[in-house]
Amino acid sequence: MPEVAVLNTEGAEVGKINLAPEIFEVEPNESVVHAAVIAHLAKIRRGTADTKVRSEVSGGGAKPWRQKGTGRARQGSIRAPHWRHGGVVFGPHPRDYDLDMPKKVRRLAMCSALSAKLAEGGIKIVEDIKLDEISTKKMVEILDALDGAGKTMLVLAEPDETIIKSARNIPSVAVRISPSISVYDILNADTLIFTKAALAKLQEAQIK
């Protein structure tokens, strides 16, 4: 059973906590993790690209010239696809790019990502984070004390506007609410900092 230190906001160790081995001691499955990342990127894709078919292009109501006798090819509308400014054939239209993944596969991907991140020393547990007022300077001091190197993802148990607003001006820091973190979030961060409450909620959600 993996055991990690619990830190306070000054970076001092105040205890130990045991992590669930079925979440943090899993043999990483790279193909499943890759599939989860692709599914996440597909889900956040807006899919708003749109083109007009010939029935949506303005104009072209009248037949451009008579059917016979002109020596030219017969035409019914100047908004046909082969005309300039005509409708588009087989163009993109708004759609949903979501990819479905079975619940067990999503869980395996999450556990694989967390296990890999723990193995490389990228997970830290803090007892709690409280700020009396919005202060980016104070947040930077806390992250420095916790050795939040590189891209850092701070995971909270509940939304806290003071913490969120204190961290939002720090380019390398993202704040997420447990357990709604994604495999992409985990892989995109160099360091994950969980509060004890956030860790408990994550483990409870994954073990169900």
Protein backbone atom coordinates (compact mmCIF):
# COMPACT_ATOMS: atom_id res chain seq x y z
CA MET A 1 0.00 0.00 0.00
CA PRO A 2 1.66 3.27 -1.10
CA GLU A 3 2.27 5.80 1.63
CA VAL A 4 2.91 9.50 1.07
CA ALA A 5 3.64 12.42 3.34
CA VAL A 6 0.98 14.97 4.21
CA LEU A 7 2.30 18.53 4.15
CA ASN A 8 1.06 21.82 5.55
CA THR A 9 1.10 25.05 3.56
CA GLU A 10 4.63 25.78 4.82
CA GLY A 11 5.88 22.56 3.24
CA ALA A 12 6.47 20.78 6.57
CA GLU A 13 5.44 17.15 6.98
CA VAL A 14 2.55 16.77 9.42
CA GLY A 15 1.70 13.12 8.90
CA LYS A 16 1.40 10.19 6.52
CA ILE A 17 -1.49 8.89 4.45
CA ASN A 18 -2.05 5.53 2.79
CA LEU A 19 -3.24 5.56 -0.80
CA ALA A 20 -5.59 2.95 -2.25
CA PRO A 21 -3.40 0.41 -4.09
CA GLU A 22 -6.18 -0.34 -6.60
CA ILE A 23 -5.87 3.29 -7.76
CA PHE A 24 -2.24 4.24 -7.19
CA GLU A 25 -0.47 0.90 -7.69
CA VAL A 26 -1.85 -0.12 -11.06
CA GLU A 27 0.32 -1.27 -13.96
CA PRO A 28 -0.13 1.64 -16.41
CA ASN A 29 -1.94 0.72 -19.62
CA GLU A 30 -0.64 3.13 -22.24
CA SER A 31 -3.17 2.26 -24.94
CA VAL A 32 -6.10 2.89 -22.60
CA VAL A 33 -4.58 6.17 -21.41
CA HIS A 34 -4.11 7.24 -25.02
CA ALA A 35 -7.74 6.40 -25.81
CA ALA A 36 -8.89 8.43 -22.80
CA VAL A 37 -6.89 11.48 -23.93
CA ILE A 38 -8.30 11.23 -27.46
CA ALA A 39 -11.83 10.97 -26.02
CA HIS A 40 -11.24 14.02 -23.80
CA LEU A 41 -9.92 16.14 -26.68
CA ALA A 42 -12.84 15.05 -28.84
CA LYS A 43 -15.32 15.98 -26.12
CA ILE A 44 -14.03 19.53 -25.76
CA ARG A 45 -14.02 20.02 -29.54
CA ARG A 46 -16.68 22.60 -30.33
CA GLY A 47 -17.77 21.17 -33.68
CA THR A 48 -19.28 24.45 -34.90
CA ALA A 49 -17.81 24.43 -38.43
CA ASP A 50 -20.60 24.90 -40.95
CA THR A 51 -21.01 25.37 -44.69
CA LYS A 52 -24.10 26.24 -46.70
CA VAL A 53 -25.70 23.79 -49.09
CA ARG A 54 -27.34 25.09 -52.24
CA SER A 55 -30.71 25.51 -50.53
CA GLU A 56 -29.14 27.86 -47.95
CA VAL A 57 -27.18 30.13 -50.30
CA SER A 58 -28.95 33.39 -51.09
CA GLY A 59 -29.94 34.16 -54.67
CA GLY A 60 -30.23 31.88 -57.64
CA GLY A 61 -34.00 31.64 -57.70
CA ALA A 62 -34.31 32.30 -61.41
CA LYS A 63 -33.06 30.04 -64.15
CA PRO A 64 -29.96 31.86 -65.54
CA TRP A 65 -30.89 31.31 -69.20
CA ARG A 66 -33.42 29.38 -71.20
CA GLN A 67 -33.09 25.63 -71.52
CA LYS A 68 -32.41 25.44 -75.26
CA GLY A 69 -31.02 27.48 -78.08
CA THR A 70 -28.13 29.30 -76.38
CA GLY A 71 -25.39 26.82 -77.21
CA ARG A 72 -24.47 26.68 -73.56
CA ALA A 73 -24.96 23.87 -71.09
CA ARG A 74 -28.35 23.86 -69.42
CA GLN A 75 -28.39 25.42 -65.96
CA GLY A 76 -31.11 25.58 -63.36
CA SER A 77 -29.52 27.86 -60.75
CA ILE A 78 -26.41 29.95 -60.32
CA ARG A 79 -26.20 28.62 -56.75
CA ALA A 80 -25.50 25.05 -57.85
CA PRO A 81 -22.26 23.65 -56.31
CA HIS A 82 -20.21 24.03 -59.50
CA TRP A 83 -20.89 27.76 -59.65
CA ARG A 84 -18.79 30.37 -57.89
CA HIS A 85 -20.59 31.36 -54.68
CA GLY A 86 -22.70 28.26 -55.03
CA GLY A 87 -23.53 25.75 -52.30
CA VAL A 88 -20.90 23.42 -50.85
CA VAL A 89 -21.11 19.67 -51.39
CA PHE A 90 -20.28 17.39 -48.44
CA GLY A 91 -18.99 20.31 -46.36
CA PRO A 92 -18.82 20.27 -42.55
CA HIS A 93 -21.89 20.93 -40.43
CA PRO A 94 -22.26 21.30 -36.65
CA ARG A 95 -21.83 17.94 -34.97
CA ASP A 96 -20.93 16.24 -31.72
CA TYR A 97 -17.46 14.68 -31.66
CA ASP A 98 -17.91 12.82 -28.35
CA LEU A 99 -16.38 9.34 -28.16
CA ASP A 100 -17.91 6.87 -25.76
CA MET A 101 -15.74 4.81 -23.41
CA PRO A 102 -16.97 2.05 -21.08
CA LYS A 103 -16.92 2.96 -17.39
CA LYS A 104 -14.34 0.27 -16.55
CA VAL A 105 -12.03 1.48 -19.31
CA ARG A 106 -12.31 5.10 -18.11
CA ARG A 107 -11.51 3.95 -14.58
CA LEU A 108 -8.48 1.95 -15.77
CA ALA A 109 -7.18 4.97 -17.69
CA MET A 110 -7.56 7.22 -14.63
CA CYS A 111 -5.84 4.72 -12.31
CA SER A 112 -3.05 4.17 -14.85
CA ALA A 113 -2.39 7.92 -15.09
CA LEU A 114 -2.45 8.39 -11.31
CA SER A 115 -0.18 5.39 -10.72
CA ALA A 116 2.34 6.63 -13.27
CA LYS A 117 2.27 10.14 -11.79
CA LEU A 118 2.84 8.78 -8.26
CA ALA A 119 5.70 6.56 -9.45
CA GLU A 120 7.52 9.58 -10.87
CA GLY A 121 7.00 11.58 -7.67
CA GLY A 122 4.52 14.01 -9.16
CA ILE A 123 1.79 13.76 -6.49
CA LYS A 124 1.78 15.78 -3.26
CA ILE A 125 -0.81 15.86 -0.49
CA VAL A 126 -1.48 19.00 1.53
CA GLU A 127 -3.56 18.94 4.69
CA ASP A 128 -5.66 21.92 3.60
CA ILE A 129 -5.34 25.28 1.87
CA LYS A 130 -7.08 28.33 3.27
CA LEU A 131 -6.66 31.97 2.31
CA ASP A 132 -8.26 34.86 4.16
CA GLU A 133 -8.26 37.04 1.07
CA ILE A 134 -7.51 36.85 -2.63
CA SER A 135 -3.74 37.04 -2.95
CA THR A 136 -1.68 35.77 -5.87
CA LYS A 137 1.49 36.50 -3.89
CA LYS A 138 0.36 34.29 -1.01
CA MET A 139 -0.61 31.51 -3.42
CA VAL A 140 2.83 31.64 -5.05
CA GLU A 141 4.43 31.36 -1.59
CA ILE A 142 2.32 28.29 -0.77
CA LEU A 143 3.16 26.60 -4.08
CA ASP A 144 6.86 27.34 -3.63
CA ALA A 145 6.74 25.83 -0.13
CA LEU A 146 5.04 22.72 -1.55
CA ASP A 147 7.66 22.56 -4.32
CA GLY A 148 5.06 22.78 -7.06
CA ALA A 149 7.55 22.67 -9.93
CA GLY A 150 6.59 23.14 -13.58
CA LYS A 151 2.94 22.90 -14.52
CA THR A 152 0.96 22.43 -11.32
CA MET A 153 -2.61 21.25 -10.89
CA LEU A 154 -4.19 22.08 -7.55
CA VAL A 155 -7.10 19.75 -6.75
CA LEU A 156 -9.70 20.93 -4.24
CA ALA A 157 -12.63 19.08 -2.68
CA GLU A 158 -15.02 22.01 -3.10
CA PRO A 159 -14.92 25.22 -5.17
CA ASP A 160 -13.20 28.01 -3.26
CA GLU A 161 -13.40 31.37 -5.02
CA THR A 162 -10.57 32.83 -2.92
CA ILE A 163 -8.16 30.08 -3.96
CA ILE A 164 -9.36 29.96 -7.57
CA LYS A 165 -8.99 33.72 -8.03
CA SER A 166 -5.63 33.74 -6.25
CA ALA A 167 -4.27 31.10 -8.64
CA ARG A 168 -5.82 32.18 -11.94
CA ASN A 169 -3.11 34.76 -12.72
CA ILE A 170 -0.33 32.18 -12.35
CA PRO A 171 0.23 30.81 -15.89
CA SER A 172 1.60 27.44 -14.77
CA VAL A 173 -1.17 26.66 -12.27
CA ALA A 174 -4.60 25.14 -12.89
CA VAL A 175 -7.27 24.52 -10.26
CA ARG A 176 -9.63 21.56 -10.53
CA ILE A 177 -12.38 20.17 -8.31
CA SER A 178 -12.25 16.52 -7.25
CA PRO A 179 -13.27 14.06 -8.52
CA SER A 180 -13.95 15.75 -11.87
CA ILE A 181 -10.38 15.70 -13.10
CA SER A 182 -9.49 14.05 -16.39
CA VAL A 183 -6.65 11.84 -17.56
CA TYR A 184 -5.59 14.71 -19.81
CA ASP A 185 -5.37 17.02 -16.77
CA ILE A 186 -3.15 14.53 -14.96
CA LEU A 187 -0.79 14.01 -17.91
CA ASN A 188 -0.64 17.73 -18.69
CA ALA A 189 0.60 18.61 -15.19
CA ASP A 190 4.09 18.06 -13.83
CA THR A 191 2.87 18.17 -10.22
CA LEU A 192 -0.52 17.29 -8.75
CA ILE A 193 -1.29 18.82 -5.35
CA PHE A 194 -4.32 17.28 -3.63
CA THR A 195 -5.90 18.46 -0.42
CA LYS A 196 -6.70 15.54 1.90
CA ALA A 197 -10.42 16.06 1.35
CA ALA A 198 -9.99 16.12 -2.44
CA LEU A 199 -7.95 12.92 -2.34
CA ALA A 200 -10.65 11.20 -0.25
CA LYS A 201 -13.35 12.21 -2.74
CA LEU A 202 -11.26 10.99 -5.68
CA GLN A 203 -10.57 7.61 -4.08
CA GLU A 204 -14.22 7.18 -3.12
CA ALA A 205 -15.35 7.93 -6.69
CA GLN A 206 -12.86 5.55 -8.27
CA ILE A 207 -13.46 2.64 -5.90
CA LYS A 208 -17.26 2.66 -6.42
